[in-house]
Amino acid sequence: MEKGYNKYMKDIVNEGHAIGLHSETHDYKKIYSSERAYFNDLARISKIVKDETGVDSKIIRFPGGSSNTVSKKILQRNNKYSR
């Protein structure tokens, strides 16, 4: 994630909006190589958001959308982010 965009996260939160997690890298091949790789990427972007805004967001959107096979499997097994 490019640091230049981090200031926008603060603005979003300060204006009363929620922050949703997406991906740190957008490297689909890497992210979806395994569940561990996906959750490692998610943890990194989560830490960036928390460090920049103080918000511990649980809102996510799968990179590439939630209609791909890998993201459906991950969501079914790990529904803590789907609530």
Protein backbone atom coordinates (compact mmCIF):
# COMPACT_ATOMS: atom_id res chain seq x y z
CA MET A 1 0.00 0.00 0.00
CA GLU A 2 1.34 3.40 -0.93
CA LYS A 3 1.90 5.63 2.10
CA GLY A 4 0.59 8.68 0.25
CA TYR A 5 -2.95 7.35 0.56
CA ASN A 6 -2.82 6.77 4.31
CA LYS A 7 -3.87 10.34 5.10
CA TYR A 8 -7.19 9.68 3.38
CA MET A 9 -7.98 6.98 5.93
CA LYS A 10 -7.76 9.53 8.72
CA ASP A 11 -10.03 11.90 6.81
CA ILE A 12 -12.58 9.13 6.23
CA VAL A 13 -12.72 8.25 9.93
CA ASN A 14 -12.76 11.90 11.02
CA GLU A 15 -15.78 12.47 8.78
CA GLY A 16 -17.63 9.63 10.52
CA HIS A 17 -17.32 6.92 7.88
CA ALA A 18 -16.27 3.29 8.33
CA ILE A 19 -13.05 1.85 6.97
CA GLY A 20 -13.27 -1.45 5.11
CA LEU A 21 -10.29 -3.75 4.68
CA HIS A 22 -9.39 -4.98 1.22
CA SER A 23 -5.77 -5.89 0.54
CA GLU A 24 -2.31 -4.61 1.16
CA THR A 25 -0.83 -5.94 -2.07
CA HIS A 26 -3.61 -6.69 -4.61
CA ASP A 27 -1.35 -9.53 -5.79
CA TYR A 28 -4.09 -12.12 -6.34
CA LYS A 29 -1.67 -14.93 -7.12
CA LYS A 30 0.11 -14.36 -3.81
CA ILE A 31 -2.98 -13.56 -1.71
CA TYR A 32 -4.93 -16.59 -2.85
CA SER A 33 -2.04 -19.06 -2.82
CA SER A 34 -3.32 -20.31 0.55
CA GLU A 35 -5.62 -19.34 3.41
CA ARG A 36 -2.58 -18.38 5.46
CA ALA A 37 -1.37 -16.04 2.70
CA TYR A 38 -4.79 -14.40 2.52
CA PHE A 39 -5.02 -13.86 6.28
CA ASN A 40 -1.43 -12.60 6.47
CA ASP A 41 -2.25 -9.97 3.83
CA LEU A 42 -5.47 -9.08 5.67
CA ALA A 43 -3.59 -8.76 8.97
CA ARG A 44 -1.04 -6.40 7.39
CA ILE A 45 -3.70 -4.06 5.99
CA SER A 46 -5.62 -4.27 9.25
CA LYS A 47 -2.52 -3.14 11.16
CA ILE A 48 -1.94 -0.26 8.75
CA VAL A 49 -5.52 0.94 9.19
CA LYS A 50 -5.36 0.60 12.98
CA ASP A 51 -2.00 2.39 13.19
CA GLU A 52 -3.21 5.25 10.98
CA THR A 53 -6.74 5.66 12.38
CA GLY A 54 -7.05 3.84 15.69
CA VAL A 55 -9.91 1.81 14.17
CA ASP A 56 -9.90 -1.99 14.42
CA SER A 57 -12.06 -2.63 11.35
CA LYS A 58 -13.85 -5.94 10.81
CA ILE A 59 -15.38 -4.91 7.47
CA ILE A 60 -13.77 -6.63 4.48
CA ARG A 61 -14.13 -6.97 0.74
CA PHE A 62 -12.26 -9.81 -0.88
CA PRO A 63 -9.69 -8.76 -3.48
CA GLY A 64 -11.26 -9.73 -6.79
CA GLY A 65 -14.72 -9.88 -5.20
CA SER A 66 -16.41 -12.53 -3.10
CA SER A 67 -17.61 -14.60 -6.03
CA ASN A 68 -14.33 -16.43 -6.60
CA THR A 69 -13.91 -19.99 -5.34
CA VAL A 70 -11.03 -19.30 -2.97
CA SER A 71 -12.73 -16.42 -1.16
CA LYS A 72 -15.93 -18.46 -0.74
CA LYS A 73 -13.96 -21.27 0.95
CA ILE A 74 -12.16 -18.83 3.22
CA LEU A 75 -15.39 -17.11 4.21
CA GLN A 76 -17.15 -20.39 4.98
CA ARG A 77 -14.33 -21.60 7.24
CA ASN A 78 -13.60 -18.29 8.93
CA ASN A 79 -16.86 -16.44 9.34
CA LYS A 80 -15.58 -14.09 12.05
CA TYR A 81 -15.29 -11.35 9.43
CA SER A 82 -18.77 -11.94 7.99
CA ARG A 83 -20.77 -10.64 10.94
